Amino acid sequence: MIEFRMPSLGADMEAGTLVEWLVKPGDRVKRGDVVAVVETQKGAIEIEIFESGRLERILVDLGTKVPVGTPLAQILTDQEPRVRPTAVAAVPPPTAPAPSLAAPPIVAAPGTKRTRASPAARKLAETHAIGLAGIAGTGPGGAVVCADVERALATVPALPEKPRRIGLDLDAMRTAIAAAMARSKQEIPHYYLAHQVDVGLSEAWLARTNAERPPGRRLLMGALTLKAAALAVRRFPAFNGFYREGRFEASGGIHPGVAIAIRGGGLAAPAIHDADRLALDDLMVHLRELVQRMRAGRIRSSEIADATITVSSLGERGVEALYGVIYPPQVAIVGFGKV
């Protein structure tokens, strides 16, 4: 049995609020499935699972805000046998007078003013979040029974459903970005290097390749620069990883975060996984799809949390060179200017 925990979705995240479960106990899940939605300072993020198995138990109720690392659910993985409960010898209960079959048992704590109610009625009221105090009971001794609760529910006006914030909260995102960048400049010694690269051969190859393709399959220079950055950090792994607890942790995979400007003023840098191993066509497909989902506010937890280095470009805006600010706990950022 493993625990599915509240993930860390960036260095600036301390807690998240569980707003939606997309699976229920007993459901089969497989690695990569989106199983929940968590609301963070940046908005609602789709949370993926990284083990295959069966969802055994949900540990956190909807609407609950919990710190990063808190167990959200228990998963019985495919590698584990499903254990049946061990039979336990029955112990006879203490002798007590049998309740009357004519009426349900009544729950009332001695010495308190708790409303008398049958267990079923109390559970029904708790399920619908209504109090028992104002309900007139018709059961024995004036106790509230299920029929009383149901009548009360019929008279309660339906509350308008509180809309859940879907996607990204741009105001909160700007606040989070400002906090992360301020921390970065305070804690990380920055230095900047610039170099000019002749991309004439790349431009010529790009023009020949795109001339034979429909618009939807054409490559952008951004795909080439992203691939170049991924291959560069494969050669120089000291730039690809994280600085945590006073030491550098090299990443086993190369997952560049692509800086994407969001209409309305937001900015995010979700990761493209294993970009060094993707063919240019596949990389372009991933890039287009990521930009579309990012701007629609449907981003996944692994894309937010897994970036090992950030790649940013303002060349299409005419910027000669871009000197970025490192996003902690990453250790480097690559900026591209105009061709």
C-alpha atoms as a PDB file:
ATOM      1  CA  MET A   1       0.000   0.000   0.000  1.00  0.00           C
ATOM      2  CA  ILE A   2       1.375   3.403  -0.945  1.00  0.00           C
ATOM      3  CA  GLU A   3       0.196   6.885  -0.088  1.00  0.00           C
ATOM      4  CA  PHE A   4      -0.707   9.402  -2.782  1.00  0.00           C
ATOM      5  CA  ARG A   5       0.411  12.743  -1.337  1.00  0.00           C
ATOM      6  CA  MET A   6      -0.193  16.433  -1.940  1.00  0.00           C
ATOM      7  CA  PRO A   7       2.540  17.244  -4.471  1.00  0.00           C
ATOM      8  CA  SER A   8       4.835  20.234  -4.413  1.00  0.00           C
ATOM      9  CA  LEU A   9       3.991  22.374  -7.425  1.00  0.00           C
ATOM     10  CA  GLY A  10       6.857  24.815  -7.137  1.00  0.00           C
ATOM     11  CA  ALA A  11       9.190  26.281  -4.562  1.00  0.00           C
ATOM     12  CA  ASP A  12       6.571  28.864  -3.590  1.00  0.00           C
ATOM     13  CA  MET A  13       3.889  26.308  -2.705  1.00  0.00           C
ATOM     14  CA  GLU A  14       3.361  25.335   0.924  1.00  0.00           C
ATOM     15  CA  ALA A  15      -0.183  23.935   0.803  1.00  0.00           C
ATOM     16  CA  GLY A  16      -3.034  23.170  -1.571  1.00  0.00           C
ATOM     17  CA  THR A  17      -6.801  22.747  -1.379  1.00  0.00           C
ATOM     18  CA  LEU A  18      -8.356  19.560  -2.726  1.00  0.00           C
ATOM     19  CA  VAL A  19     -11.314  20.695  -4.862  1.00  0.00           C
ATOM     20  CA  GLU A  20     -12.187  17.644  -6.951  1.00  0.00           C
ATOM     21  CA  TRP A  21     -11.665  13.883  -7.024  1.00  0.00           C
ATOM     22  CA  LEU A  22     -11.880  12.387 -10.522  1.00  0.00           C
ATOM     23  CA  VAL A  23     -11.779   8.816  -9.179  1.00  0.00           C
ATOM     24  CA  LYS A  24     -13.479   6.980  -6.328  1.00  0.00           C
ATOM     25  CA  PRO A  25     -12.463   4.125  -4.014  1.00  0.00           C
ATOM     26  CA  GLY A  26     -12.282   0.870  -5.933  1.00  0.00           C
ATOM     27  CA  ASP A  27     -11.358   2.504  -9.241  1.00  0.00           C
ATOM     28  CA  ARG A  28      -8.370   1.287 -11.207  1.00  0.00           C
ATOM     29  CA  VAL A  29      -5.717   3.916 -11.891  1.00  0.00           C
ATOM     30  CA  LYS A  30      -2.600   3.811 -14.008  1.00  0.00           C
ATOM     31  CA  ARG A  31       0.564   5.880 -14.097  1.00  0.00           C
ATOM     32  CA  GLY A  32      -0.084   9.272 -15.682  1.00  0.00           C
ATOM     33  CA  ASP A  33      -3.831   9.362 -14.981  1.00  0.00           C
ATOM     34  CA  VAL A  34      -5.231  12.681 -13.748  1.00  0.00           C
ATOM     35  CA  VAL A  35      -7.026  11.710 -10.521  1.00  0.00           C
ATOM     36  CA  ALA A  36      -7.685  14.984  -8.694  1.00  0.00           C
ATOM     37  CA  VAL A  37      -7.728  18.757  -8.977  1.00  0.00           C
ATOM     38  CA  VAL A  38      -5.891  20.863  -6.412  1.00  0.00           C
ATOM     39  CA  GLU A  39      -6.262  24.600  -6.037  1.00  0.00           C
ATOM     40  CA  THR A  40      -3.038  26.442  -5.368  1.00  0.00           C
ATOM     41  CA  GLN A  41      -2.048  30.072  -5.279  1.00  0.00           C
ATOM     42  CA  LYS A  42      -1.684  29.889  -9.055  1.00  0.00           C
ATOM     43  CA  GLY A  43      -5.047  28.275  -9.758  1.00  0.00           C
ATOM     44  CA  ALA A  44      -6.556  24.806 -10.217  1.00  0.00           C
ATOM     45  CA  ILE A  45      -3.944  22.202 -11.174  1.00  0.00           C
ATOM     46  CA  GLU A  46      -4.664  18.688 -12.457  1.00  0.00           C
ATOM     47  CA  ILE A  47      -2.847  16.125 -10.302  1.00  0.00           C
ATOM     48  CA  GLU A  48      -1.455  12.970 -11.871  1.00  0.00           C
ATOM     49  CA  ILE A  49      -0.673   9.658 -10.240  1.00  0.00           C
ATOM     50  CA  PHE A  50       2.638   7.860 -10.689  1.00  0.00           C
ATOM     51  CA  GLU A  51       1.725   4.303  -9.688  1.00  0.00           C
ATOM     52  CA  SER A  52      -0.689   1.814 -11.215  1.00  0.00           C
ATOM     53  CA  GLY A  53      -3.138  -0.021  -9.016  1.00  0.00           C
ATOM     54  CA  ARG A  54      -6.457   0.373  -7.218  1.00  0.00           C
ATOM     55  CA  LEU A  55      -7.610   3.377  -5.198  1.00  0.00           C
ATOM     56  CA  GLU A  56      -8.345   1.876  -1.797  1.00  0.00           C
ATOM     57  CA  ARG A  57      -9.183   4.837   0.401  1.00  0.00           C
ATOM     58  CA  ILE A  58      -9.546   8.626   0.199  1.00  0.00           C
ATOM     59  CA  LEU A  59      -7.985  10.368   3.189  1.00  0.00           C
ATOM     60  CA  VAL A  60      -8.773  14.052   2.567  1.00  0.00           C
ATOM     61  CA  ASP A  61     -12.240  15.553   2.084  1.00  0.00           C
ATOM     62  CA  LEU A  62     -13.045  18.040  -0.658  1.00  0.00           C
ATOM     63  CA  GLY A  63     -12.446  21.641   0.310  1.00  0.00           C
ATOM     64  CA  THR A  64      -9.667  20.742   2.746  1.00  0.00           C
ATOM     65  CA  LYS A  65      -6.422  22.715   2.607  1.00  0.00           C
ATOM     66  CA  VAL A  66      -3.416  20.588   3.553  1.00  0.00           C
ATOM     67  CA  PRO A  67       0.372  21.096   3.484  1.00  0.00           C
ATOM     68  CA  VAL A  68       2.585  19.691   0.752  1.00  0.00           C
ATOM     69  CA  GLY A  69       3.356  16.034   1.479  1.00  0.00           C
ATOM     70  CA  THR A  70       0.059  15.274   3.236  1.00  0.00           C
ATOM     71  CA  PRO A  71      -1.340  11.834   2.268  1.00  0.00           C
ATOM     72  CA  LEU A  72      -4.461  12.299   0.103  1.00  0.00           C
ATOM     73  CA  ALA A  73      -5.315   8.661  -0.632  1.00  0.00           C
ATOM     74  CA  GLN A  74      -4.052   5.102  -0.371  1.00  0.00           C
ATOM     75  CA  ILE A  75      -3.230   3.054  -3.472  1.00  0.00           C
ATOM     76  CA  LEU A  76      -2.866  -0.719  -3.604  1.00  0.00           C
ATOM     77  CA  THR A  77      -0.245  -1.135  -6.318  1.00  0.00           C
ATOM     78  CA  ASP A  78      -0.252  -3.888  -8.903  1.00  0.00           C
ATOM     79  CA  GLN A  79       2.806  -5.406  -7.232  1.00  0.00           C
ATOM     80  CA  GLU A  80       0.998  -5.937  -3.929  1.00  0.00           C
ATOM     81  CA  PRO A  81      -1.374  -8.812  -3.191  1.00  0.00           C
ATOM     82  CA  ARG A  82      -4.860  -7.821  -2.170  1.00  0.00           C
ATOM     83  CA  VAL A  83      -4.999  -8.876   1.478  1.00  0.00           C
ATOM     84  CA  ARG A  84      -8.271 -10.160   2.800  1.00  0.00           C
ATOM     85  CA  PRO A  85      -9.137  -9.191   6.378  1.00  0.00           C
ATOM     86  CA  THR A  86      -8.177 -11.927   8.861  1.00  0.00           C
ATOM     87  CA  ALA A  87     -11.178 -13.593  10.422  1.00  0.00           C
ATOM     88  CA  VAL A  88     -11.598 -12.700  14.072  1.00  0.00           C
ATOM     89  CA  ALA A  89     -13.512 -14.867  16.526  1.00  0.00           C
ATOM     90  CA  ALA A  90     -16.814 -13.289  17.337  1.00  0.00           C
ATOM     91  CA  VAL A  91     -17.187 -12.053  20.891  1.00  0.00           C
ATOM     92  CA  PRO A  92     -20.753 -12.121  22.181  1.00  0.00           C
ATOM     93  CA  PRO A  93     -21.945  -8.640  23.123  1.00  0.00           C
ATOM     94  CA  PRO A  94     -23.062  -7.955  26.681  1.00  0.00           C
ATOM     95  CA  THR A  95     -26.647  -8.872  27.354  1.00  0.00           C
ATOM     96  CA  ALA A  96     -28.984  -5.922  26.915  1.00  0.00           C
ATOM     97  CA  PRO A  97     -32.731  -5.503  26.550  1.00  0.00           C
ATOM     98  CA  ALA A  98     -33.785  -5.926  22.936  1.00  0.00           C
ATOM     99  CA  PRO A  99     -35.024  -2.675  21.379  1.00  0.00           C
ATOM    100  CA  SER A 100     -38.654  -2.451  20.401  1.00  0.00           C
ATOM    101  CA  LEU A 101     -39.263  -3.340  16.757  1.00  0.00           C
ATOM    102  CA  ALA A 102     -42.000  -0.752  16.617  1.00  0.00           C
ATOM    103  CA  ALA A 103     -39.608   2.233  16.641  1.00  0.00           C
ATOM    104  CA  PRO A 104     -35.954   2.962  15.791  1.00  0.00           C
ATOM    105  CA  PRO A 105     -33.476   3.386  18.668  1.00  0.00           C
ATOM    106  CA  ILE A 106     -33.105   6.968  19.803  1.00  0.00           C
ATOM    107  CA  VAL A 107     -29.764   8.670  20.288  1.00  0.00           C
ATOM    108  CA  ALA A 108     -29.466  11.148  23.137  1.00  0.00           C
ATOM    109  CA  ALA A 109     -26.458  11.838  25.313  1.00  0.00           C
ATOM    110  CA  PRO A 110     -27.310  11.813  29.041  1.00  0.00           C
ATOM    111  CA  GLY A 111     -27.222  15.167  30.738  1.00  0.00           C
ATOM    112  CA  THR A 112     -27.176  17.191  27.487  1.00  0.00           C
ATOM    113  CA  LYS A 113     -29.721  19.069  25.408  1.00  0.00           C
ATOM    114  CA  ARG A 114     -28.828  17.162  22.255  1.00  0.00           C
ATOM    115  CA  THR A 115     -31.838  16.705  19.987  1.00  0.00           C
ATOM    116  CA  ARG A 116     -33.309  13.217  20.237  1.00  0.00           C
ATOM    117  CA  ALA A 117     -33.042  11.469  16.867  1.00  0.00           C
ATOM    118  CA  SER A 118     -32.702   8.031  15.358  1.00  0.00           C
ATOM    119  CA  PRO A 119     -29.199   7.155  14.102  1.00  0.00           C
ATOM    120  CA  ALA A 120     -30.464   7.047  10.518  1.00  0.00           C
ATOM    121  CA  ALA A 121     -32.041  10.494  10.812  1.00  0.00           C
ATOM    122  CA  ARG A 122     -28.889  11.949  12.344  1.00  0.00           C
ATOM    123  CA  LYS A 123     -26.755  10.524   9.550  1.00  0.00           C
ATOM    124  CA  LEU A 124     -29.136  11.849   6.887  1.00  0.00           C
ATOM    125  CA  ALA A 125     -29.023  15.320   8.425  1.00  0.00           C
ATOM    126  CA  GLU A 126     -25.213  15.272   8.593  1.00  0.00           C
ATOM    127  CA  THR A 127     -25.033  14.194   4.948  1.00  0.00           C
ATOM    128  CA  HIS A 128     -27.077  17.229   3.892  1.00  0.00           C
ATOM    129  CA  ALA A 129     -25.425  19.578   6.420  1.00  0.00           C
ATOM    130  CA  ILE A 130     -28.593  20.642   8.194  1.00  0.00           C
ATOM    131  CA  GLY A 131     -29.137  20.941  11.940  1.00  0.00           C
ATOM    132  CA  LEU A 132     -31.616  18.822  13.888  1.00  0.00           C
ATOM    133  CA  ALA A 133     -32.515  21.486  16.435  1.00  0.00           C
ATOM    134  CA  GLY A 134     -35.161  23.158  14.281  1.00  0.00           C
ATOM    135  CA  ILE A 135     -36.824  19.958  13.066  1.00  0.00           C
ATOM    136  CA  ALA A 136     -40.050  18.851  14.751  1.00  0.00           C
ATOM    137  CA  GLY A 137     -39.820  15.158  15.587  1.00  0.00           C
ATOM    138  CA  THR A 138     -42.702  12.734  15.088  1.00  0.00           C
ATOM    139  CA  GLY A 139     -40.995   9.669  16.511  1.00  0.00           C
ATOM    140  CA  PRO A 140     -41.323   8.208  20.031  1.00  0.00           C
ATOM    141  CA  GLY A 141     -40.957  10.917  22.665  1.00  0.00           C
ATOM    142  CA  GLY A 142     -40.736  13.605  19.962  1.00  0.00           C
ATOM    143  CA  ALA A 143     -37.563  12.151  18.454  1.00  0.00           C
ATOM    144  CA  VAL A 144     -36.577  13.127  14.917  1.00  0.00           C
ATOM    145  CA  VAL A 145     -36.832  10.296  12.399  1.00  0.00           C
ATOM    146  CA  CYS A 146     -35.852  10.090   8.711  1.00  0.00           C
ATOM    147  CA  ALA A 147     -39.256  11.224   7.484  1.00  0.00           C
ATOM    148  CA  ASP A 148     -38.899  14.439   9.534  1.00  0.00           C
ATOM    149  CA  VAL A 149     -35.477  15.175   8.026  1.00  0.00           C
ATOM    150  CA  GLU A 150     -36.770  14.547   4.510  1.00  0.00           C
ATOM    151  CA  ARG A 151     -39.672  16.969   5.063  1.00  0.00           C
ATOM    152  CA  ALA A 152     -37.227  19.583   6.334  1.00  0.00           C
ATOM    153  CA  LEU A 153     -34.988  19.090   3.291  1.00  0.00           C
ATOM    154  CA  ALA A 154     -37.943  19.695   0.992  1.00  0.00           C
ATOM    155  CA  THR A 155     -38.459  23.148   2.518  1.00  0.00           C
ATOM    156  CA  VAL A 156     -34.813  24.241   2.406  1.00  0.00           C
ATOM    157  CA  PRO A 157     -34.113  26.435  -0.655  1.00  0.00           C
ATOM    158  CA  ALA A 158     -31.284  25.135  -2.797  1.00  0.00           C
ATOM    159  CA  LEU A 159     -28.161  27.222  -2.420  1.00  0.00           C
ATOM    160  CA  PRO A 160     -26.477  28.330  -5.620  1.00  0.00           C
ATOM    161  CA  GLU A 161     -23.427  26.202  -6.270  1.00  0.00           C
ATOM    162  CA  LYS A 162     -20.250  28.078  -5.538  1.00  0.00           C
ATOM    163  CA  PRO A 163     -18.318  28.197  -8.796  1.00  0.00           C
ATOM    164  CA  ARG A 164     -14.908  26.608  -8.585  1.00  0.00           C
ATOM    165  CA  ARG A 165     -12.084  28.612 -10.008  1.00  0.00           C
ATOM    166  CA  ILE A 166     -11.104  26.750 -13.149  1.00  0.00           C
ATOM    167  CA  GLY A 167      -7.639  27.138 -14.514  1.00  0.00           C
ATOM    168  CA  LEU A 168      -5.216  29.836 -13.529  1.00  0.00           C
ATOM    169  CA  ASP A 169      -5.761  32.807 -11.251  1.00  0.00           C
ATOM    170  CA  LEU A 170      -3.653  35.472 -12.947  1.00  0.00           C
ATOM    171  CA  ASP A 171      -3.649  37.886 -10.018  1.00  0.00           C
ATOM    172  CA  ALA A 172      -2.477  35.170  -7.629  1.00  0.00           C
ATOM    173  CA  MET A 173       0.012  33.960 -10.225  1.00  0.00           C
ATOM    174  CA  ARG A 174       1.604  37.407 -10.493  1.00  0.00           C
ATOM    175  CA  THR A 175       1.903  37.520  -6.700  1.00  0.00           C
ATOM    176  CA  ALA A 176       3.534  34.065  -6.660  1.00  0.00           C
ATOM    177  CA  ILE A 177       5.941  34.981  -9.469  1.00  0.00           C
ATOM    178  CA  ALA A 178       6.974  38.177  -7.682  1.00  0.00           C
ATOM    179  CA  ALA A 179       7.609  36.273  -4.440  1.00  0.00           C
ATOM    180  CA  ALA A 180       9.637  33.569  -6.216  1.00  0.00           C
ATOM    181  CA  MET A 181      11.735  36.069  -8.156  1.00  0.00           C
ATOM    182  CA  ALA A 182      12.415  38.173  -5.060  1.00  0.00           C
ATOM    183  CA  ARG A 183      13.551  35.054  -3.225  1.00  0.00           C
ATOM    184  CA  SER A 184      15.674  34.025  -6.207  1.00  0.00           C
ATOM    185  CA  LYS A 185      17.580  37.304  -6.351  1.00  0.00           C
ATOM    186  CA  GLN A 186      18.111  37.277  -2.590  1.00  0.00           C
ATOM    187  CA  GLU A 187      19.308  33.682  -2.262  1.00  0.00           C
ATOM    188  CA  ILE A 188      20.939  32.725  -5.582  1.00  0.00           C
ATOM    189  CA  PRO A 189      24.184  34.374  -6.754  1.00  0.00           C
ATOM    190  CA  HIS A 190      23.397  35.329 -10.359  1.00  0.00           C
ATOM    191  CA  TYR A 191      25.867  35.819 -13.182  1.00  0.00           C
ATOM    192  CA  TYR A 192      25.113  36.208 -16.870  1.00  0.00           C
ATOM    193  CA  LEU A 193      26.845  34.951 -20.003  1.00  0.00           C
ATOM    194  CA  ALA A 194      25.936  35.857 -23.590  1.00  0.00           C
ATOM    195  CA  HIS A 195      27.059  34.324 -26.858  1.00  0.00           C
ATOM    196  CA  GLN A 196      26.109  34.858 -30.484  1.00  0.00           C
ATOM    197  CA  VAL A 197      25.340  31.774 -32.589  1.00  0.00           C
ATOM    198  CA  ASP A 198      25.185  31.610 -36.375  1.00  0.00           C
ATOM    199  CA  VAL A 199      21.882  29.897 -37.194  1.00  0.00           C
ATOM    200  CA  GLY A 200      21.994  30.441 -40.956  1.00  0.00           C
ATOM    201  CA  LEU A 201      22.141  26.717 -41.695  1.00  0.00           C
ATOM    202  CA  SER A 202      19.243  26.084 -39.308  1.00  0.00           C
ATOM    203  CA  GLU A 203      17.139  28.782 -40.994  1.00  0.00           C
ATOM    204  CA  ALA A 204      17.835  27.318 -44.425  1.00  0.00           C
ATOM    205  CA  TRP A 205      16.947  23.787 -43.272  1.00  0.00           C
ATOM    206  CA  LEU A 206      13.783  25.088 -41.589  1.00  0.00           C
ATOM    207  CA  ALA A 207      12.682  26.894 -44.770  1.00  0.00           C
ATOM    208  CA  ARG A 208      13.216  23.775 -46.923  1.00  0.00           C
ATOM    209  CA  THR A 209      11.405  21.518 -44.435  1.00  0.00           C
ATOM    210  CA  ASN A 210       8.404  23.796 -43.946  1.00  0.00           C
ATOM    211  CA  ALA A 211       8.014  24.445 -47.676  1.00  0.00           C
ATOM    212  CA  GLU A 212       6.818  20.853 -48.124  1.00  0.00           C
ATOM    213  CA  ARG A 213       4.401  20.865 -45.187  1.00  0.00           C
ATOM    214  CA  PRO A 214       0.912  22.197 -44.437  1.00  0.00           C
ATOM    215  CA  PRO A 215       0.797  25.011 -41.846  1.00  0.00           C
ATOM    216  CA  GLY A 216      -0.281  22.723 -39.025  1.00  0.00           C
ATOM    217  CA  ARG A 217       2.866  20.591 -39.320  1.00  0.00           C
ATOM    218  CA  ARG A 218       5.456  23.311 -39.776  1.00  0.00           C
ATOM    219  CA  LEU A 219       8.283  23.728 -37.315  1.00  0.00           C
ATOM    220  CA  LEU A 220       9.160  26.923 -35.487  1.00  0.00           C
ATOM    221  CA  MET A 221      12.626  28.150 -34.634  1.00  0.00           C
ATOM    222  CA  GLY A 222      11.539  27.822 -30.991  1.00  0.00           C
ATOM    223  CA  ALA A 223      11.500  24.045 -31.339  1.00  0.00           C
ATOM    224  CA  LEU A 224      15.101  24.100 -32.596  1.00  0.00           C
ATOM    225  CA  THR A 225      16.339  26.356 -29.790  1.00  0.00           C
ATOM    226  CA  LEU A 226      14.539  24.232 -27.185  1.00  0.00           C
ATOM    227  CA  LYS A 227      16.141  21.077 -28.592  1.00  0.00           C
ATOM    228  CA  ALA A 228      19.539  22.787 -28.654  1.00  0.00           C
ATOM    229  CA  ALA A 229      19.206  23.774 -24.981  1.00  0.00           C
ATOM    230  CA  ALA A 230      18.194  20.219 -24.044  1.00  0.00           C
ATOM    231  CA  LEU A 231      21.186  18.729 -25.862  1.00  0.00           C
ATOM    232  CA  ALA A 232      23.497  21.309 -24.293  1.00  0.00           C
ATOM    233  CA  VAL A 233      22.521  20.409 -20.722  1.00  0.00           C
ATOM    234  CA  ARG A 234      22.921  16.742 -21.563  1.00  0.00           C
ATOM    235  CA  ARG A 235      26.544  17.611 -22.296  1.00  0.00           C
ATOM    236  CA  PHE A 236      26.837  19.906 -19.263  1.00  0.00           C
ATOM    237  CA  PRO A 237      24.665  18.264 -16.552  1.00  0.00           C
ATOM    238  CA  ALA A 238      25.734  20.722 -13.844  1.00  0.00           C
ATOM    239  CA  PHE A 239      23.093  23.105 -15.250  1.00  0.00           C
ATOM    240  CA  ASN A 240      20.273  20.548 -15.138  1.00  0.00           C
ATOM    241  CA  GLY A 241      18.931  19.883 -11.659  1.00  0.00           C
ATOM    242  CA  PHE A 242      18.134  21.408  -8.296  1.00  0.00           C
ATOM    243  CA  TYR A 243      19.885  23.021  -5.365  1.00  0.00           C
ATOM    244  CA  ARG A 244      18.344  21.706  -2.161  1.00  0.00           C
ATOM    245  CA  GLU A 245      19.499  21.596   1.455  1.00  0.00           C
ATOM    246  CA  GLY A 246      22.902  23.004   0.649  1.00  0.00           C
ATOM    247  CA  ARG A 247      23.831  20.732  -2.242  1.00  0.00           C
ATOM    248  CA  PHE A 248      23.220  20.250  -5.960  1.00  0.00           C
ATOM    249  CA  GLU A 249      21.066  17.328  -7.122  1.00  0.00           C
ATOM    250  CA  ALA A 250      21.568  16.456 -10.775  1.00  0.00           C
ATOM    251  CA  SER A 251      18.382  15.387 -12.539  1.00  0.00           C
ATOM    252  CA  GLY A 252      18.204  12.010 -14.232  1.00  0.00           C
ATOM    253  CA  GLY A 253      16.003  13.457 -16.980  1.00  0.00           C
ATOM    254  CA  ILE A 254      16.109  16.657 -19.030  1.00  0.00           C
ATOM    255  CA  HIS A 255      12.772  18.415 -18.627  1.00  0.00           C
ATOM    256  CA  PRO A 256      13.098  22.052 -19.744  1.00  0.00           C
ATOM    257  CA  GLY A 257      10.406  24.385 -18.530  1.00  0.00           C
ATOM    258  CA  VAL A 258       9.165  26.537 -21.406  1.00  0.00           C
ATOM    259  CA  ALA A 259       8.329  30.119 -20.427  1.00  0.00           C
ATOM    260  CA  ILE A 260       4.825  30.835 -21.780  1.00  0.00           C
ATOM    261  CA  ALA A 261       3.168  34.234 -21.622  1.00  0.00           C
ATOM    262  CA  ILE A 262      -0.529  33.946 -20.785  1.00  0.00           C
ATOM    263  CA  ARG A 263      -3.071  36.346 -22.183  1.00  0.00           C
ATOM    264  CA  GLY A 264      -4.005  38.725 -19.421  1.00  0.00           C
ATOM    265  CA  GLY A 265      -0.530  39.027 -17.987  1.00  0.00           C
ATOM    266  CA  GLY A 266       0.339  35.688 -16.415  1.00  0.00           C
ATOM    267  CA  LEU A 267       3.504  33.679 -16.963  1.00  0.00           C
ATOM    268  CA  ALA A 268       4.315  30.025 -16.413  1.00  0.00           C
ATOM    269  CA  ALA A 269       7.076  27.619 -17.383  1.00  0.00           C
ATOM    270  CA  PRO A 270       5.650  24.088 -17.603  1.00  0.00           C
ATOM    271  CA  ALA A 271       8.004  21.248 -18.452  1.00  0.00           C
ATOM    272  CA  ILE A 272       8.378  19.189 -21.609  1.00  0.00           C
ATOM    273  CA  HIS A 273       9.654  15.836 -20.389  1.00  0.00           C
ATOM    274  CA  ASP A 274      12.772  14.259 -21.895  1.00  0.00           C
ATOM    275  CA  ALA A 275      13.092  16.978 -24.530  1.00  0.00           C
ATOM    276  CA  ASP A 276      16.600  15.807 -25.445  1.00  0.00           C
ATOM    277  CA  ARG A 277      15.199  12.475 -26.641  1.00  0.00           C
ATOM    278  CA  LEU A 278      12.231  13.807 -28.608  1.00  0.00           C
ATOM    279  CA  ALA A 279      12.391  14.141 -32.389  1.00  0.00           C
ATOM    280  CA  LEU A 280      11.847  17.725 -33.589  1.00  0.00           C
ATOM    281  CA  ASP A 281       8.388  16.911 -34.932  1.00  0.00           C
ATOM    282  CA  ASP A 282       7.357  15.359 -31.602  1.00  0.00           C
ATOM    283  CA  LEU A 283       8.862  18.269 -29.702  1.00  0.00           C
ATOM    284  CA  MET A 284       6.841  20.716 -31.820  1.00  0.00           C
ATOM    285  CA  VAL A 285       3.634  18.767 -31.142  1.00  0.00           C
ATOM    286  CA  HIS A 286       4.349  18.820 -27.390  1.00  0.00           C
ATOM    287  CA  LEU A 287       5.136  22.533 -27.520  1.00  0.00           C
ATOM    288  CA  ARG A 288       1.927  23.475 -29.357  1.00  0.00           C
ATOM    289  CA  GLU A 289      -0.226  21.322 -27.100  1.00  0.00           C
ATOM    290  CA  LEU A 290       1.425  22.694 -23.958  1.00  0.00           C
ATOM    291  CA  VAL A 291       0.870  26.307 -25.011  1.00  0.00           C
ATOM    292  CA  GLN A 292      -2.795  25.624 -25.813  1.00  0.00           C
ATOM    293  CA  ARG A 293      -3.487  23.921 -22.492  1.00  0.00           C
ATOM    294  CA  MET A 294      -1.506  26.481 -20.542  1.00  0.00           C
ATOM    295  CA  ARG A 295      -3.490  29.362 -22.012  1.00  0.00           C
ATOM    296  CA  ALA A 296      -6.735  27.451 -21.393  1.00  0.00           C
ATOM    297  CA  GLY A 297      -5.717  27.033 -17.756  1.00  0.00           C
ATOM    298  CA  ARG A 298      -5.512  23.209 -17.863  1.00  0.00           C
ATOM    299  CA  ILE A 299      -2.060  22.378 -16.605  1.00  0.00           C
ATOM    300  CA  ARG A 300      -0.836  19.197 -14.922  1.00  0.00           C
ATOM    301  CA  SER A 301       1.101  18.801 -11.722  1.00  0.00           C
ATOM    302  CA  SER A 302       4.101  17.040 -13.314  1.00  0.00           C
ATOM    303  CA  GLU A 303       4.470  19.848 -15.845  1.00  0.00           C
ATOM    304  CA  ILE A 304       4.594  22.443 -13.073  1.00  0.00           C
ATOM    305  CA  ALA A 305       6.797  20.489 -10.649  1.00  0.00           C
ATOM    306  CA  ASP A 306       9.268  18.623 -12.890  1.00  0.00           C
ATOM    307  CA  ALA A 307      11.081  21.383 -14.816  1.00  0.00           C
ATOM    308  CA  THR A 308      14.859  20.944 -14.406  1.00  0.00           C
ATOM    309  CA  ILE A 309      15.919  24.142 -16.213  1.00  0.00           C
ATOM    310  CA  THR A 310      13.951  27.009 -17.763  1.00  0.00           C
ATOM    311  CA  VAL A 311      14.162  28.093 -21.404  1.00  0.00           C
ATOM    312  CA  SER A 312      12.767  31.492 -22.347  1.00  0.00           C
ATOM    313  CA  SER A 313      12.691  33.501 -25.562  1.00  0.00           C
ATOM    314  CA  LEU A 314      11.676  37.021 -26.481  1.00  0.00           C
ATOM    315  CA  GLY A 315      13.274  36.941 -29.902  1.00  0.00           C
ATOM    316  CA  GLU A 316       9.933  37.097 -31.688  1.00  0.00           C
ATOM    317  CA  ARG A 317       9.360  40.413 -29.882  1.00  0.00           C
ATOM    318  CA  GLY A 318      12.608  41.827 -31.262  1.00  0.00           C
ATOM    319  CA  VAL A 319      14.607  41.507 -28.029  1.00  0.00           C
ATOM    320  CA  GLU A 320      18.342  41.220 -28.746  1.00  0.00           C
ATOM    321  CA  ALA A 321      19.193  39.199 -25.637  1.00  0.00           C
ATOM    322  CA  LEU A 322      17.323  37.867 -22.606  1.00  0.00           C
ATOM    323  CA  TYR A 323      18.904  37.683 -19.154  1.00  0.00           C
ATOM    324  CA  GLY A 324      16.554  35.671 -16.985  1.00  0.00           C
ATOM    325  CA  VAL A 325      16.122  35.161 -13.255  1.00  0.00           C
ATOM    326  CA  ILE A 326      16.592  31.589 -12.023  1.00  0.00           C
ATOM    327  CA  TYR A 327      13.469  29.854 -10.738  1.00  0.00           C
ATOM    328  CA  PRO A 328      14.368  28.036  -7.500  1.00  0.00           C
ATOM    329  CA  PRO A 329      15.244  25.276  -6.835  1.00  0.00           C
ATOM    330  CA  GLN A 330      16.572  25.160 -10.418  1.00  0.00           C
ATOM    331  CA  VAL A 331      20.126  26.387 -10.947  1.00  0.00           C
ATOM    332  CA  ALA A 332      20.027  27.926 -14.434  1.00  0.00           C
ATOM    333  CA  ILE A 333      17.868  29.619 -17.050  1.00  0.00           C
ATOM    334  CA  VAL A 334      18.568  29.950 -20.789  1.00  0.00           C
ATOM    335  CA  GLY A 335      17.345  32.969 -22.735  1.00  0.00           C
ATOM    336  CA  PHE A 336      17.162  33.339 -26.525  1.00  0.00           C
ATOM    337  CA  GLY A 337      17.057  36.637 -28.423  1.00  0.00           C
ATOM    338  CA  LYS A 338      15.999  37.379 -31.984  1.00  0.00           C
ATOM    339  CA  VAL A 339      17.528  35.706 -35.028  1.00  0.00           C
END
